[in-house]
Amino acid sequence: MLAASADGNPAVVAAPIRWSAHIIGQHAVAANSVFATVQLLLALGIALRPTVKIALGASVAWSLAVWWLGEGLGSVLAGNASPVSGAPGAVIIYALLAILLWPAGTDRPATFAAGRFVGRPAARALWLVLWGSLAWFSIQPEVRSPRGLSSMISGAAAGEPGWIAAIDLRAGTLLDHHGLAASIVLTVTLAVVAAGVYRPPPGLR
């Protein structure tokens, strides 16, 4: 599973992924035990006030490592990244959340929690970058091909419970050969969400 995330990536990205996957494959039980322990310690550290900053900082480093070696940078360099297939990768959003929710002094005013540490302009810019990148990924050539989104959605049915698989397969059938139109709708929707953070309060909500 880990080695497969190297596919399509530049050699400088793919080589460390394959190397780490080989090491983990030889010691799967030990590696999984270490990974589970690290993540439990991060969770406990974030939950405890005295260690929250240390744990959040460690979670950013952990997220970046897993994003590269476990998710292949979310396929953003492979040319086939799409929000439908999970790009830019869930774990990089954990790092973003750790930064936005970093504990700040109570004397710093903010109208929302994510703006207390980095400030409102930076928090809004990060929102724009995240959702804007999703819009960009949605209009890439492989995604907007006639069967691009259809194949991604149908492929997600494998191994799912019957009722979820049926939804995936039905949606994939409906979008078959309508990849460009579906991609444009998805891109516009995500772009509106990205820019919406700069609208006045009623439109923002």
N, C-alpha and C. Protein backbone atom coordinates (compact mmCIF):
# COMPACT_ATOMS: atom_id res chain seq x y z
N MET A 1 0.83 -1.20 0.00
CA MET A 1 0.00 0.00 0.00
C MET A 1 0.87 1.26 0.00
N LEU A 2 1.89 1.26 0.84
CA LEU A 2 2.77 2.42 0.91
C LEU A 2 3.58 2.57 -0.38
N ALA A 3 4.10 1.48 -0.89
CA ALA A 3 4.91 1.53 -2.11
C ALA A 3 4.10 2.05 -3.29
N ALA A 4 2.81 1.74 -3.32
CA ALA A 4 1.97 2.17 -4.44
C ALA A 4 1.82 3.68 -4.49
N SER A 5 1.99 4.36 -3.35
CA SER A 5 1.85 5.82 -3.34
C SER A 5 3.01 6.51 -4.06
N ALA A 6 4.07 5.74 -4.38
CA ALA A 6 5.20 6.31 -5.12
C ALA A 6 4.90 6.44 -6.60
N ASP A 7 3.92 5.69 -7.10
CA ASP A 7 3.65 5.67 -8.53
C ASP A 7 3.28 7.05 -9.06
N GLY A 8 3.94 7.43 -10.16
CA GLY A 8 3.64 8.71 -10.81
C GLY A 8 4.39 9.88 -10.24
N ASN A 9 5.04 9.71 -9.09
CA ASN A 9 5.78 10.81 -8.48
C ASN A 9 7.18 10.93 -9.07
N PRO A 10 7.79 12.12 -9.00
CA PRO A 10 9.18 12.26 -9.44
C PRO A 10 10.09 11.34 -8.64
N ALA A 11 11.20 10.97 -9.21
CA ALA A 11 12.11 10.01 -8.58
C ALA A 11 12.57 10.47 -7.21
N VAL A 12 12.81 11.77 -7.04
CA VAL A 12 13.30 12.28 -5.77
C VAL A 12 12.25 12.10 -4.67
N VAL A 13 10.99 12.06 -5.04
CA VAL A 13 9.91 11.81 -4.07
C VAL A 13 9.66 10.32 -3.92
N ALA A 14 9.68 9.59 -5.03
CA ALA A 14 9.31 8.17 -5.03
C ALA A 14 10.35 7.29 -4.35
N ALA A 15 11.63 7.59 -4.51
CA ALA A 15 12.68 6.72 -3.98
C ALA A 15 12.59 6.55 -2.45
N PRO A 16 12.47 7.63 -1.67
CA PRO A 16 12.33 7.44 -0.22
C PRO A 16 11.07 6.69 0.17
N ILE A 17 10.00 6.85 -0.62
CA ILE A 17 8.75 6.13 -0.33
C ILE A 17 8.99 4.63 -0.47
N ARG A 18 9.60 4.24 -1.57
CA ARG A 18 9.85 2.81 -1.79
C ARG A 18 10.83 2.25 -0.76
N TRP A 19 11.82 3.06 -0.39
CA TRP A 19 12.79 2.61 0.61
C TRP A 19 12.10 2.36 1.95
N SER A 20 11.29 3.31 2.40
CA SER A 20 10.61 3.15 3.69
C SER A 20 9.60 2.02 3.63
N ALA A 21 8.91 1.88 2.50
CA ALA A 21 7.95 0.78 2.35
C ALA A 21 8.64 -0.57 2.45
N HIS A 22 9.84 -0.67 1.88
CA HIS A 22 10.60 -1.93 1.95
C HIS A 22 10.97 -2.26 3.40
N ILE A 23 11.45 -1.24 4.14
CA ILE A 23 11.83 -1.45 5.54
C ILE A 23 10.61 -1.86 6.37
N ILE A 24 9.50 -1.14 6.16
CA ILE A 24 8.28 -1.43 6.92
C ILE A 24 7.75 -2.82 6.57
N GLY A 25 7.85 -3.19 5.28
CA GLY A 25 7.38 -4.50 4.85
C GLY A 25 8.12 -5.64 5.53
N GLN A 26 9.40 -5.42 5.85
CA GLN A 26 10.20 -6.46 6.51
C GLN A 26 9.91 -6.55 8.00
N HIS A 27 9.34 -5.48 8.57
CA HIS A 27 9.08 -5.45 10.01
C HIS A 27 7.69 -4.85 10.26
N ALA A 28 6.69 -5.43 9.64
CA ALA A 28 5.35 -4.83 9.64
C ALA A 28 4.75 -4.70 11.04
N VAL A 29 4.86 -5.74 11.84
CA VAL A 29 4.25 -5.71 13.18
C VAL A 29 4.93 -4.66 14.05
N ALA A 30 6.25 -4.66 14.05
CA ALA A 30 6.99 -3.67 14.85
C ALA A 30 6.70 -2.26 14.38
N ALA A 31 6.68 -2.07 13.06
CA ALA A 31 6.43 -0.73 12.51
C ALA A 31 5.04 -0.24 12.88
N ASN A 32 4.04 -1.10 12.73
CA ASN A 32 2.67 -0.70 13.08
C ASN A 32 2.55 -0.39 14.57
N SER A 33 3.26 -1.13 15.39
CA SER A 33 3.24 -0.87 16.84
C SER A 33 3.83 0.50 17.15
N VAL A 34 4.94 0.82 16.49
CA VAL A 34 5.57 2.13 16.68
C VAL A 34 4.64 3.24 16.21
N PHE A 35 4.04 3.06 15.03
CA PHE A 35 3.15 4.10 14.49
C PHE A 35 1.96 4.33 15.42
N ALA A 36 1.37 3.25 15.90
CA ALA A 36 0.21 3.38 16.79
C ALA A 36 0.60 4.08 18.09
N THR A 37 1.77 3.73 18.62
CA THR A 37 2.23 4.34 19.87
C THR A 37 2.47 5.83 19.69
N VAL A 38 3.14 6.20 18.60
CA VAL A 38 3.41 7.62 18.33
C VAL A 38 2.10 8.41 18.25
N GLN A 39 1.14 7.86 17.55
CA GLN A 39 -0.11 8.60 17.36
C GLN A 39 -0.92 8.69 18.65
N LEU A 40 -0.88 7.65 19.48
CA LEU A 40 -1.54 7.73 20.77
C LEU A 40 -0.87 8.76 21.68
N LEU A 41 0.46 8.82 21.64
CA LEU A 41 1.18 9.81 22.44
C LEU A 41 0.86 11.23 21.96
N LEU A 42 0.76 11.41 20.65
CA LEU A 42 0.38 12.72 20.12
C LEU A 42 -1.02 13.12 20.60
N ALA A 43 -1.94 12.16 20.57
CA ALA A 43 -3.30 12.44 21.02
C ALA A 43 -3.33 12.83 22.49
N LEU A 44 -2.62 12.08 23.32
CA LEU A 44 -2.58 12.40 24.75
C LEU A 44 -1.89 13.73 24.99
N GLY A 45 -0.81 13.99 24.25
CA GLY A 45 -0.10 15.25 24.42
C GLY A 45 -0.94 16.45 24.06
N ILE A 46 -1.74 16.32 23.01
CA ILE A 46 -2.62 17.43 22.60
C ILE A 46 -3.73 17.63 23.63
N ALA A 47 -4.17 16.54 24.26
CA ALA A 47 -5.27 16.63 25.22
C ALA A 47 -4.84 17.25 26.54
N LEU A 48 -3.55 17.19 26.86
CA LEU A 48 -3.06 17.71 28.13
C LEU A 48 -2.48 19.11 27.94
N ARG A 49 -2.96 20.06 28.72
CA ARG A 49 -2.55 21.45 28.55
C ARG A 49 -1.04 21.67 28.65
N PRO A 50 -0.32 21.06 29.61
CA PRO A 50 1.12 21.35 29.71
C PRO A 50 1.93 20.92 28.49
N THR A 51 1.43 19.93 27.74
CA THR A 51 2.22 19.40 26.62
C THR A 51 1.60 19.71 25.26
N VAL A 52 0.56 20.53 25.24
CA VAL A 52 -0.18 20.70 23.99
C VAL A 52 0.69 21.30 22.88
N LYS A 53 1.54 22.27 23.19
CA LYS A 53 2.35 22.89 22.14
C LYS A 53 3.40 21.92 21.61
N ILE A 54 4.03 21.17 22.50
CA ILE A 54 5.01 20.18 22.07
C ILE A 54 4.35 19.14 21.18
N ALA A 55 3.17 18.68 21.60
CA ALA A 55 2.48 17.64 20.84
C ALA A 55 1.99 18.16 19.50
N LEU A 56 1.49 19.39 19.47
CA LEU A 56 1.05 19.96 18.19
C LEU A 56 2.23 20.12 17.24
N GLY A 57 3.36 20.60 17.75
CA GLY A 57 4.55 20.71 16.91
C GLY A 57 5.00 19.36 16.38
N ALA A 58 4.97 18.35 17.26
CA ALA A 58 5.34 17.01 16.83
C ALA A 58 4.35 16.46 15.82
N SER A 59 3.07 16.81 15.97
CA SER A 59 2.06 16.31 15.04
C SER A 59 2.25 16.91 13.65
N VAL A 60 2.76 18.15 13.58
CA VAL A 60 3.05 18.75 12.28
C VAL A 60 4.18 17.98 11.59
N ALA A 61 5.25 17.70 12.34
CA ALA A 61 6.37 16.94 11.78
C ALA A 61 5.92 15.54 11.36
N TRP A 62 5.12 14.90 12.21
CA TRP A 62 4.61 13.55 11.91
C TRP A 62 3.74 13.59 10.65
N SER A 63 2.88 14.60 10.57
CA SER A 63 1.98 14.71 9.41
C SER A 63 2.76 14.87 8.12
N LEU A 64 3.80 15.71 8.14
CA LEU A 64 4.60 15.92 6.92
C LEU A 64 5.30 14.63 6.50
N ALA A 65 5.81 13.88 7.49
CA ALA A 65 6.47 12.61 7.18
C ALA A 65 5.49 11.61 6.58
N VAL A 66 4.31 11.50 7.18
CA VAL A 66 3.31 10.55 6.68
C VAL A 66 2.78 11.01 5.32
N TRP A 67 2.64 12.33 5.14
CA TRP A 67 2.16 12.85 3.86
C TRP A 67 3.11 12.45 2.74
N TRP A 68 4.39 12.50 3.00
CA TRP A 68 5.38 12.12 1.98
C TRP A 68 5.48 10.60 1.86
N LEU A 69 5.83 9.93 2.96
CA LEU A 69 6.17 8.51 2.89
C LEU A 69 4.94 7.60 2.90
N GLY A 70 3.80 8.11 3.36
CA GLY A 70 2.60 7.28 3.42
C GLY A 70 1.56 7.60 2.37
N GLU A 71 1.50 8.89 1.96
CA GLU A 71 0.49 9.30 0.99
C GLU A 71 1.07 9.77 -0.34
N GLY A 72 2.39 9.73 -0.47
CA GLY A 72 3.01 10.15 -1.72
C GLY A 72 2.69 11.59 -2.06
N LEU A 73 2.69 12.47 -1.03
CA LEU A 73 2.34 13.89 -1.19
C LEU A 73 0.93 14.06 -1.76
N GLY A 74 0.07 13.09 -1.47
CA GLY A 74 -1.31 13.18 -1.91
C GLY A 74 -1.47 13.17 -3.42
N SER A 75 -0.45 12.69 -4.13
CA SER A 75 -0.44 12.61 -5.61
C SER A 75 -0.46 13.99 -6.27
N VAL A 76 -0.15 15.05 -5.52
CA VAL A 76 -0.21 16.39 -6.12
C VAL A 76 0.85 16.59 -7.20
N LEU A 77 1.91 15.78 -7.20
CA LEU A 77 2.95 15.89 -8.23
C LEU A 77 2.83 14.80 -9.28
N ALA A 78 1.83 13.94 -9.12
CA ALA A 78 1.70 12.79 -10.03
C ALA A 78 0.80 13.09 -11.22
N GLY A 79 0.08 14.23 -11.19
CA GLY A 79 -0.76 14.60 -12.32
C GLY A 79 -2.16 14.04 -12.29
N ASN A 80 -2.48 13.23 -11.28
CA ASN A 80 -3.82 12.64 -11.21
C ASN A 80 -4.52 12.95 -9.89
N ALA A 81 -4.05 14.01 -9.22
CA ALA A 81 -4.65 14.37 -7.93
C ALA A 81 -6.05 14.93 -8.15
N SER A 82 -6.96 14.54 -7.26
CA SER A 82 -8.33 15.02 -7.32
C SER A 82 -8.93 14.95 -5.92
N PRO A 83 -9.77 15.93 -5.55
CA PRO A 83 -10.45 15.84 -4.26
C PRO A 83 -11.28 14.57 -4.14
N VAL A 84 -11.76 14.07 -5.27
CA VAL A 84 -12.58 12.86 -5.26
C VAL A 84 -11.77 11.65 -4.82
N SER A 85 -10.48 11.65 -5.14
CA SER A 85 -9.62 10.53 -4.75
C SER A 85 -8.83 10.82 -3.48
N GLY A 86 -9.13 11.95 -2.83
CA GLY A 86 -8.50 12.24 -1.54
C GLY A 86 -7.38 13.26 -1.55
N ALA A 87 -7.05 13.86 -2.69
CA ALA A 87 -6.00 14.88 -2.74
C ALA A 87 -6.47 16.11 -1.97
N PRO A 88 -5.58 16.84 -1.35
CA PRO A 88 -4.12 16.67 -1.34
C PRO A 88 -3.62 15.71 -0.26
N GLY A 89 -4.50 14.89 0.28
CA GLY A 89 -4.12 13.96 1.34
C GLY A 89 -4.63 14.44 2.68
N ALA A 90 -5.28 13.54 3.40
CA ALA A 90 -5.91 13.93 4.67
C ALA A 90 -4.89 14.41 5.69
N VAL A 91 -3.73 13.77 5.72
CA VAL A 91 -2.79 14.04 6.81
C VAL A 91 -2.20 15.44 6.74
N ILE A 92 -2.09 16.03 5.55
CA ILE A 92 -1.54 17.39 5.47
C ILE A 92 -2.54 18.39 6.06
N ILE A 93 -3.83 18.04 6.04
CA ILE A 93 -4.83 18.91 6.66
C ILE A 93 -4.70 18.87 8.18
N TYR A 94 -4.24 17.73 8.73
CA TYR A 94 -3.98 17.67 10.17
C TYR A 94 -2.89 18.67 10.55
N ALA A 95 -1.86 18.77 9.73
CA ALA A 95 -0.79 19.73 10.00
C ALA A 95 -1.32 21.15 9.94
N LEU A 96 -2.15 21.43 8.95
CA LEU A 96 -2.74 22.76 8.81
C LEU A 96 -3.59 23.10 10.04
N LEU A 97 -4.39 22.15 10.50
CA LEU A 97 -5.23 22.38 11.68
C LEU A 97 -4.38 22.61 12.92
N ALA A 98 -3.27 21.88 13.06
CA ALA A 98 -2.40 22.07 14.21
C ALA A 98 -1.87 23.50 14.26
N ILE A 99 -1.55 24.06 13.10
CA ILE A 99 -1.03 25.43 13.04
C ILE A 99 -2.15 26.43 13.35
N LEU A 100 -3.31 26.23 12.74
CA LEU A 100 -4.41 27.17 12.94
C LEU A 100 -4.93 27.17 14.38
N LEU A 101 -4.90 26.01 15.02
CA LEU A 101 -5.45 25.89 16.38
C LEU A 101 -4.36 25.95 17.45
N TRP A 102 -3.18 26.43 17.07
CA TRP A 102 -2.10 26.56 18.03
C TRP A 102 -2.54 27.50 19.16
N PRO A 103 -2.30 27.11 20.42
CA PRO A 103 -2.75 27.96 21.53
C PRO A 103 -2.13 29.35 21.46
N ALA A 104 -2.96 30.37 21.62
CA ALA A 104 -2.50 31.75 21.58
C ALA A 104 -2.90 32.44 22.87
N GLY A 105 -2.27 33.57 23.13
CA GLY A 105 -2.61 34.34 24.31
C GLY A 105 -4.06 34.79 24.28
N THR A 106 -4.71 34.76 25.42
CA THR A 106 -6.13 35.11 25.47
C THR A 106 -6.37 36.58 25.20
N ASP A 107 -5.30 37.38 25.20
CA ASP A 107 -5.47 38.81 24.98
C ASP A 107 -5.51 39.17 23.49
N ARG A 108 -5.34 38.18 22.62
CA ARG A 108 -5.37 38.45 21.18
C ARG A 108 -6.80 38.26 20.68
N PRO A 109 -7.45 39.34 20.25
CA PRO A 109 -8.85 39.21 19.83
C PRO A 109 -8.97 38.52 18.47
N ALA A 110 -10.01 37.74 18.34
CA ALA A 110 -10.30 37.07 17.07
C ALA A 110 -11.77 36.67 17.06
N THR A 111 -12.37 36.76 15.87
CA THR A 111 -13.78 36.41 15.75
C THR A 111 -13.98 34.92 15.52
N PHE A 112 -12.89 34.18 15.28
CA PHE A 112 -12.99 32.73 15.12
C PHE A 112 -11.69 32.10 15.62
N ALA A 113 -11.80 30.86 16.09
CA ALA A 113 -10.68 30.21 16.78
C ALA A 113 -9.43 30.10 15.90
N ALA A 114 -9.63 29.83 14.61
CA ALA A 114 -8.48 29.62 13.73
C ALA A 114 -7.68 30.88 13.49
N GLY A 115 -8.23 32.03 13.86
CA GLY A 115 -7.51 33.28 13.65
C GLY A 115 -6.76 33.78 14.87
N ARG A 116 -6.85 33.06 15.98
CA ARG A 116 -6.26 33.56 17.22
C ARG A 116 -4.74 33.54 17.19
N PHE A 117 -4.15 32.52 16.57
CA PHE A 117 -2.69 32.41 16.58
C PHE A 117 -2.06 33.09 15.36
N VAL A 118 -2.50 32.74 14.17
CA VAL A 118 -1.88 33.29 12.96
C VAL A 118 -2.50 34.62 12.54
N GLY A 119 -3.66 34.96 13.10
CA GLY A 119 -4.34 36.19 12.70
C GLY A 119 -5.35 35.94 11.59
N ARG A 120 -6.34 36.81 11.49
CA ARG A 120 -7.40 36.63 10.51
C ARG A 120 -6.90 36.60 9.08
N PRO A 121 -6.04 37.54 8.66
CA PRO A 121 -5.59 37.51 7.25
C PRO A 121 -4.90 36.21 6.87
N ALA A 122 -4.01 35.72 7.75
CA ALA A 122 -3.29 34.48 7.44
C ALA A 122 -4.23 33.29 7.44
N ALA A 123 -5.17 33.25 8.39
CA ALA A 123 -6.12 32.13 8.45
C ALA A 123 -6.97 32.10 7.18
N ARG A 124 -7.42 33.25 6.74
CA ARG A 124 -8.21 33.31 5.51
C ARG A 124 -7.38 32.92 4.30
N ALA A 125 -6.11 33.35 4.28
CA ALA A 125 -5.23 32.98 3.16
C ALA A 125 -5.02 31.48 3.09
N LEU A 126 -4.86 30.84 4.26
CA LEU A 126 -4.69 29.39 4.28
C LEU A 126 -5.95 28.68 3.81
N TRP A 127 -7.11 29.21 4.19
CA TRP A 127 -8.38 28.67 3.68
C TRP A 127 -8.40 28.78 2.15
N LEU A 128 -8.02 29.94 1.63
CA LEU A 128 -8.02 30.16 0.18
C LEU A 128 -7.07 29.19 -0.51
N VAL A 129 -5.89 28.99 0.05
CA VAL A 129 -4.91 28.08 -0.55
C VAL A 129 -5.44 26.65 -0.57
N LEU A 130 -6.02 26.20 0.56
CA LEU A 130 -6.51 24.82 0.64
C LEU A 130 -7.63 24.59 -0.37
N TRP A 131 -8.69 25.38 -0.31
CA TRP A 131 -9.84 25.16 -1.18
C TRP A 131 -9.53 25.55 -2.63
N GLY A 132 -8.66 26.55 -2.81
CA GLY A 132 -8.24 26.89 -4.18
C GLY A 132 -7.46 25.78 -4.83
N SER A 133 -6.61 25.10 -4.04
CA SER A 133 -5.86 23.98 -4.58
C SER A 133 -6.79 22.83 -4.95
N LEU A 134 -7.84 22.61 -4.16
CA LEU A 134 -8.82 21.57 -4.49
C LEU A 134 -9.50 21.89 -5.81
N ALA A 135 -9.82 23.18 -6.01
CA ALA A 135 -10.43 23.59 -7.28
C ALA A 135 -9.46 23.34 -8.44
N TRP A 136 -8.19 23.65 -8.23
CA TRP A 136 -7.17 23.44 -9.27
C TRP A 136 -7.02 21.96 -9.61
N PHE A 137 -6.97 21.11 -8.59
CA PHE A 137 -6.85 19.68 -8.83
C PHE A 137 -8.06 19.13 -9.60
N SER A 138 -9.20 19.73 -9.42
CA SER A 138 -10.44 19.23 -10.03
C SER A 138 -10.51 19.47 -11.53
N ILE A 139 -9.62 20.29 -12.06
CA ILE A 139 -9.69 20.61 -13.48
C ILE A 139 -8.44 20.11 -14.23
N GLN A 140 -7.65 19.25 -13.57
CA GLN A 140 -6.47 18.69 -14.23
C GLN A 140 -6.88 17.75 -15.37
N PRO A 141 -6.03 17.59 -16.39
CA PRO A 141 -6.39 16.81 -17.58
C PRO A 141 -6.93 15.42 -17.29
N GLU A 142 -6.27 14.68 -16.39
CA GLU A 142 -6.72 13.31 -16.12
C GLU A 142 -8.07 13.28 -15.41
N VAL A 143 -8.36 14.32 -14.63
CA VAL A 143 -9.62 14.38 -13.89
C VAL A 143 -10.76 14.77 -14.81
N ARG A 144 -10.49 15.70 -15.74
CA ARG A 144 -11.58 16.18 -16.60
C ARG A 144 -11.76 15.35 -17.87
N SER A 145 -11.01 14.26 -17.99
CA SER A 145 -11.20 13.38 -19.13
C SER A 145 -12.60 12.78 -19.09
N PRO A 146 -13.12 12.29 -20.22
CA PRO A 146 -14.52 11.82 -20.27
C PRO A 146 -14.89 10.83 -19.16
N ARG A 147 -13.97 9.96 -18.79
CA ARG A 147 -14.28 8.94 -17.77
C ARG A 147 -13.45 9.11 -16.51
N GLY A 148 -12.81 10.28 -16.35
CA GLY A 148 -11.92 10.49 -15.21
C GLY A 148 -12.61 10.36 -13.86
N LEU A 149 -13.59 11.23 -13.61
CA LEU A 149 -14.29 11.18 -12.32
C LEU A 149 -15.10 9.90 -12.18
N SER A 150 -15.68 9.43 -13.28
CA SER A 150 -16.46 8.20 -13.24
C SER A 150 -15.61 7.03 -12.75
N SER A 151 -14.41 6.90 -13.27
CA SER A 151 -13.52 5.81 -12.88
C SER A 151 -13.10 5.92 -11.42
N MET A 152 -12.82 7.15 -10.97
CA MET A 152 -12.42 7.35 -9.58
C MET A 152 -13.52 6.93 -8.62
N ILE A 153 -14.74 7.36 -8.91
CA ILE A 153 -15.87 7.07 -8.02
C ILE A 153 -16.21 5.58 -8.05
N SER A 154 -16.27 5.00 -9.24
CA SER A 154 -16.57 3.58 -9.35
C SER A 154 -15.51 2.73 -8.69
N GLY A 155 -14.24 3.15 -8.82
CA GLY A 155 -13.15 2.41 -8.22
C GLY A 155 -13.19 2.40 -6.71
N ALA A 156 -13.84 3.42 -6.13
CA ALA A 156 -13.94 3.49 -4.67
C ALA A 156 -14.89 2.46 -4.10
N ALA A 157 -15.68 1.81 -4.96
CA ALA A 157 -16.67 0.84 -4.49
C ALA A 157 -16.04 -0.45 -3.98
N ALA A 158 -14.83 -0.74 -4.43
CA ALA A 158 -14.18 -2.00 -4.06
C ALA A 158 -14.00 -2.11 -2.56
N GLY A 159 -14.51 -3.18 -1.98
CA GLY A 159 -14.34 -3.43 -0.56
C GLY A 159 -15.31 -2.71 0.34
N GLU A 160 -16.17 -1.86 -0.21
CA GLU A 160 -17.12 -1.12 0.60
C GLU A 160 -18.35 -1.98 0.92
N PRO A 161 -19.10 -1.63 2.00
CA PRO A 161 -20.38 -2.32 2.24
C PRO A 161 -21.29 -2.18 1.03
N GLY A 162 -22.19 -3.12 0.85
CA GLY A 162 -23.01 -3.17 -0.35
C GLY A 162 -23.73 -1.88 -0.68
N TRP A 163 -24.33 -1.24 0.34
CA TRP A 163 -25.13 -0.04 0.04
C TRP A 163 -24.26 1.14 -0.38
N ILE A 164 -23.04 1.24 0.20
CA ILE A 164 -22.12 2.31 -0.22
C ILE A 164 -21.57 2.01 -1.61
N ALA A 165 -21.21 0.75 -1.85
CA ALA A 165 -20.71 0.37 -3.17
C ALA A 165 -21.76 0.65 -4.24
N ALA A 166 -23.04 0.40 -3.93
CA ALA A 166 -24.11 0.65 -4.90
C ALA A 166 -24.20 2.14 -5.24
N ILE A 167 -24.04 3.01 -4.23
CA ILE A 167 -24.07 4.45 -4.47
C ILE A 167 -22.90 4.86 -5.35
N ASP A 168 -21.70 4.34 -5.03
CA ASP A 168 -20.52 4.67 -5.82
C ASP A 168 -20.69 4.24 -7.27
N LEU A 169 -21.14 3.01 -7.47
CA LEU A 169 -21.28 2.50 -8.83
C LEU A 169 -22.35 3.27 -9.61
N ARG A 170 -23.45 3.61 -8.94
CA ARG A 170 -24.50 4.37 -9.59
C ARG A 170 -24.01 5.76 -9.98
N ALA A 171 -23.30 6.41 -9.06
CA ALA A 171 -22.76 7.75 -9.35
C ALA A 171 -21.74 7.68 -10.48
N GLY A 172 -20.90 6.64 -10.46
CA GLY A 172 -19.93 6.48 -11.53
C GLY A 172 -20.59 6.29 -12.87
N THR A 173 -21.69 5.54 -12.90
CA THR A 173 -22.43 5.32 -14.15
C THR A 173 -23.04 6.61 -14.66
N LEU A 174 -23.60 7.41 -13.76
CA LEU A 174 -24.22 8.67 -14.15
C LEU A 174 -23.21 9.66 -14.73
N LEU A 175 -21.98 9.61 -14.22
CA LEU A 175 -20.96 10.56 -14.67
C LEU A 175 -20.14 10.02 -15.84
N ASP A 176 -20.40 8.80 -16.25
CA ASP A 176 -19.62 8.19 -17.34
C ASP A 176 -19.73 9.04 -18.60
N HIS A 177 -18.57 9.39 -19.16
CA HIS A 177 -18.46 10.22 -20.37
C HIS A 177 -18.94 11.65 -20.14
N HIS A 178 -19.09 12.08 -18.88
CA HIS A 178 -19.43 13.47 -18.57
C HIS A 178 -18.37 14.07 -17.66
N GLY A 179 -17.15 13.60 -17.82
CA GLY A 179 -16.07 14.02 -16.95
C GLY A 179 -15.80 15.51 -17.00
N LEU A 180 -15.81 16.10 -18.19
CA LEU A 180 -15.50 17.52 -18.32
C LEU A 180 -16.55 18.37 -17.62
N ALA A 181 -17.83 18.08 -17.89
CA ALA A 181 -18.92 18.87 -17.28
C ALA A 181 -18.88 18.73 -15.76
N ALA A 182 -18.72 17.50 -15.26
CA ALA A 182 -18.68 17.28 -13.81
C ALA A 182 -17.47 17.95 -13.18
N SER A 183 -16.35 17.92 -13.89
CA SER A 183 -15.14 18.55 -13.39
C SER A 183 -15.31 20.05 -13.29
N ILE A 184 -15.96 20.65 -14.28
CA ILE A 184 -16.18 22.10 -14.25
C ILE A 184 -17.10 22.49 -13.09
N VAL A 185 -18.17 21.73 -12.90
CA VAL A 185 -19.09 22.01 -11.79
C VAL A 185 -18.36 21.91 -10.45
N LEU A 186 -17.56 20.86 -10.29
CA LEU A 186 -16.82 20.67 -9.05
C LEU A 186 -15.81 21.79 -8.85
N THR A 187 -15.12 22.18 -9.90
CA THR A 187 -14.12 23.24 -9.81
C THR A 187 -14.75 24.56 -9.42
N VAL A 188 -15.85 24.92 -10.05
CA VAL A 188 -16.53 26.18 -9.74
C VAL A 188 -17.03 26.17 -8.30
N THR A 189 -17.60 25.05 -7.86
CA THR A 189 -18.10 24.96 -6.48
C THR A 189 -16.98 25.17 -5.47
N LEU A 190 -15.86 24.50 -5.69
CA LEU A 190 -14.73 24.63 -4.78
C LEU A 190 -14.12 26.03 -4.82
N ALA A 191 -14.10 26.64 -6.00
CA ALA A 191 -13.58 28.00 -6.11
C ALA A 191 -14.46 29.00 -5.36
N VAL A 192 -15.78 28.79 -5.41
CA VAL A 192 -16.70 29.65 -4.66
C VAL A 192 -16.46 29.50 -3.16
N VAL A 193 -16.25 28.26 -2.71
CA VAL A 193 -15.95 28.04 -1.29
C VAL A 193 -14.63 28.72 -0.92
N ALA A 194 -13.63 28.62 -1.79
CA ALA A 194 -12.33 29.23 -1.52
C ALA A 194 -12.43 30.74 -1.37
N ALA A 195 -13.13 31.38 -2.31
CA ALA A 195 -13.24 32.84 -2.29
C ALA A 195 -14.27 33.33 -1.28
N GLY A 196 -15.18 32.44 -0.87
CA GLY A 196 -16.26 32.85 0.01
C GLY A 196 -15.80 33.37 1.35
N VAL A 197 -14.61 32.98 1.78
CA VAL A 197 -14.11 33.41 3.08
C VAL A 197 -13.86 34.92 3.11
N TYR A 198 -13.79 35.54 1.93
CA TYR A 198 -13.56 36.98 1.86
C TYR A 198 -14.86 37.78 1.67
N ARG A 199 -15.99 37.10 1.67
CA ARG A 199 -17.27 37.78 1.52
C ARG A 199 -17.69 38.39 2.86
N PRO A 200 -18.61 39.37 2.82
CA PRO A 200 -19.16 39.92 4.08
C PRO A 200 -19.83 38.81 4.88
N PRO A 201 -20.04 39.03 6.19
CA PRO A 201 -20.55 37.96 7.07
C PRO A 201 -21.76 37.17 6.55
N PRO A 202 -22.81 37.82 6.00
CA PRO A 202 -23.95 37.00 5.55
C PRO A 202 -23.55 36.00 4.46
N GLY A 203 -22.80 36.48 3.48
CA GLY A 203 -22.36 35.59 2.39
C GLY A 203 -21.35 34.58 2.88
N LEU A 204 -20.53 34.95 3.84
CA LEU A 204 -19.53 34.04 4.39
C LEU A 204 -20.24 32.86 5.06
N ARG A 205 -21.27 33.13 5.84
CA ARG A 205 -21.99 32.03 6.49
C ARG A 205 -22.68 31.15 5.47
